[in-house]
Amino acid sequence: MLKGSWKTTVLGWLGLVTAVGLAATALLGGDGAEGVDWNGLWESVIVVFPSLAAIFARDNNVSSEAAGAN
């Protein structure tokens, strides 16, 4: 799954960590306002999808054989 694509995998995981931080800030009211920041929560959801794509992507310089693709 992650064979040979460490650069994109690391960036994907960093994106997920960012999404968790955004969600926590939105849910806990990081700006001092009461209630949930729905725009901030939506931003965290948007960050998840490209991050997941990066985790499962293959680097351009990794051959199909090295990545184990059929």
Protein backbone atom coordinates (compact mmCIF):
# COMPACT_ATOMS: atom_id res chain seq x y z
CA MET A 1 0.00 0.00 0.00
CA LEU A 2 2.59 2.61 1.03
CA LYS A 3 5.58 1.00 -0.69
CA GLY A 4 7.81 3.59 -2.34
CA SER A 5 5.51 6.58 -1.88
CA TRP A 6 6.79 7.98 1.38
CA LYS A 7 6.76 11.65 0.27
CA THR A 8 3.10 11.77 -0.68
CA THR A 9 2.17 9.61 2.31
CA VAL A 10 3.85 12.01 4.73
CA LEU A 11 2.09 14.98 3.15
CA GLY A 12 -1.23 13.13 3.36
CA TRP A 13 -0.78 12.41 7.06
CA LEU A 14 0.20 16.04 7.70
CA GLY A 15 -3.01 17.08 5.97
CA LEU A 16 -5.04 14.80 8.23
CA VAL A 17 -3.32 16.22 11.31
CA THR A 18 -4.21 19.69 10.04
CA ALA A 19 -7.83 18.61 9.54
CA VAL A 20 -8.02 17.31 13.10
CA GLY A 21 -6.60 20.59 14.40
CA LEU A 22 -9.09 22.62 12.37
CA ALA A 23 -11.97 20.47 13.58
CA ALA A 24 -10.88 20.76 17.22
CA THR A 25 -10.58 24.52 16.93
CA ALA A 26 -14.00 24.75 15.28
CA LEU A 27 -15.68 22.54 17.88
CA LEU A 28 -14.03 24.14 20.90
CA GLY A 29 -14.51 27.73 19.77
CA GLY A 30 -10.87 28.74 19.39
CA ASP A 31 -11.72 32.38 18.66
CA GLY A 32 -13.50 32.88 21.97
CA ALA A 33 -17.00 32.77 20.48
CA GLU A 34 -19.56 30.45 21.97
CA GLY A 35 -20.85 27.54 19.97
CA VAL A 36 -19.52 25.64 17.02
CA ASP A 37 -17.76 27.39 14.15
CA TRP A 38 -19.54 25.61 11.28
CA ASN A 39 -17.40 27.22 8.58
CA GLY A 40 -14.24 26.03 10.31
CA LEU A 41 -15.70 22.55 10.69
CA TRP A 42 -16.56 22.45 6.99
CA GLU A 43 -12.99 23.53 6.14
CA SER A 44 -11.64 20.60 8.14
CA VAL A 45 -13.91 18.20 6.23
CA ILE A 46 -12.70 19.61 2.92
CA VAL A 47 -9.05 19.03 3.92
CA VAL A 48 -9.67 15.31 4.59
CA PHE A 49 -10.34 14.22 0.99
CA PRO A 50 -7.13 15.46 -0.67
CA SER A 51 -5.19 14.18 2.33
CA LEU A 52 -6.60 10.69 1.87
CA ALA A 53 -5.79 10.87 -1.83
CA ALA A 54 -2.20 11.80 -1.03
CA ILE A 55 -1.83 8.91 1.42
CA PHE A 56 -2.76 6.37 -1.25
CA ALA A 57 -1.05 8.11 -4.20
CA ARG A 58 2.17 6.91 -5.76
CA ASP A 59 5.13 9.22 -6.31
CA ASN A 60 5.87 10.02 -9.94
CA ASN A 61 9.39 8.55 -9.74
CA VAL A 62 8.17 5.16 -8.38
CA SER A 63 7.60 2.54 -11.03
CA SER A 64 4.50 0.36 -11.07
CA GLU A 65 6.64 -2.69 -10.38
CA ALA A 66 8.28 -1.07 -7.34
CA ALA A 67 4.89 -0.01 -6.00
CA GLY A 68 3.47 -3.51 -6.47
CA ALA A 69 0.77 -2.45 -8.93
CA ASN A 70 -0.65 -5.08 -11.26
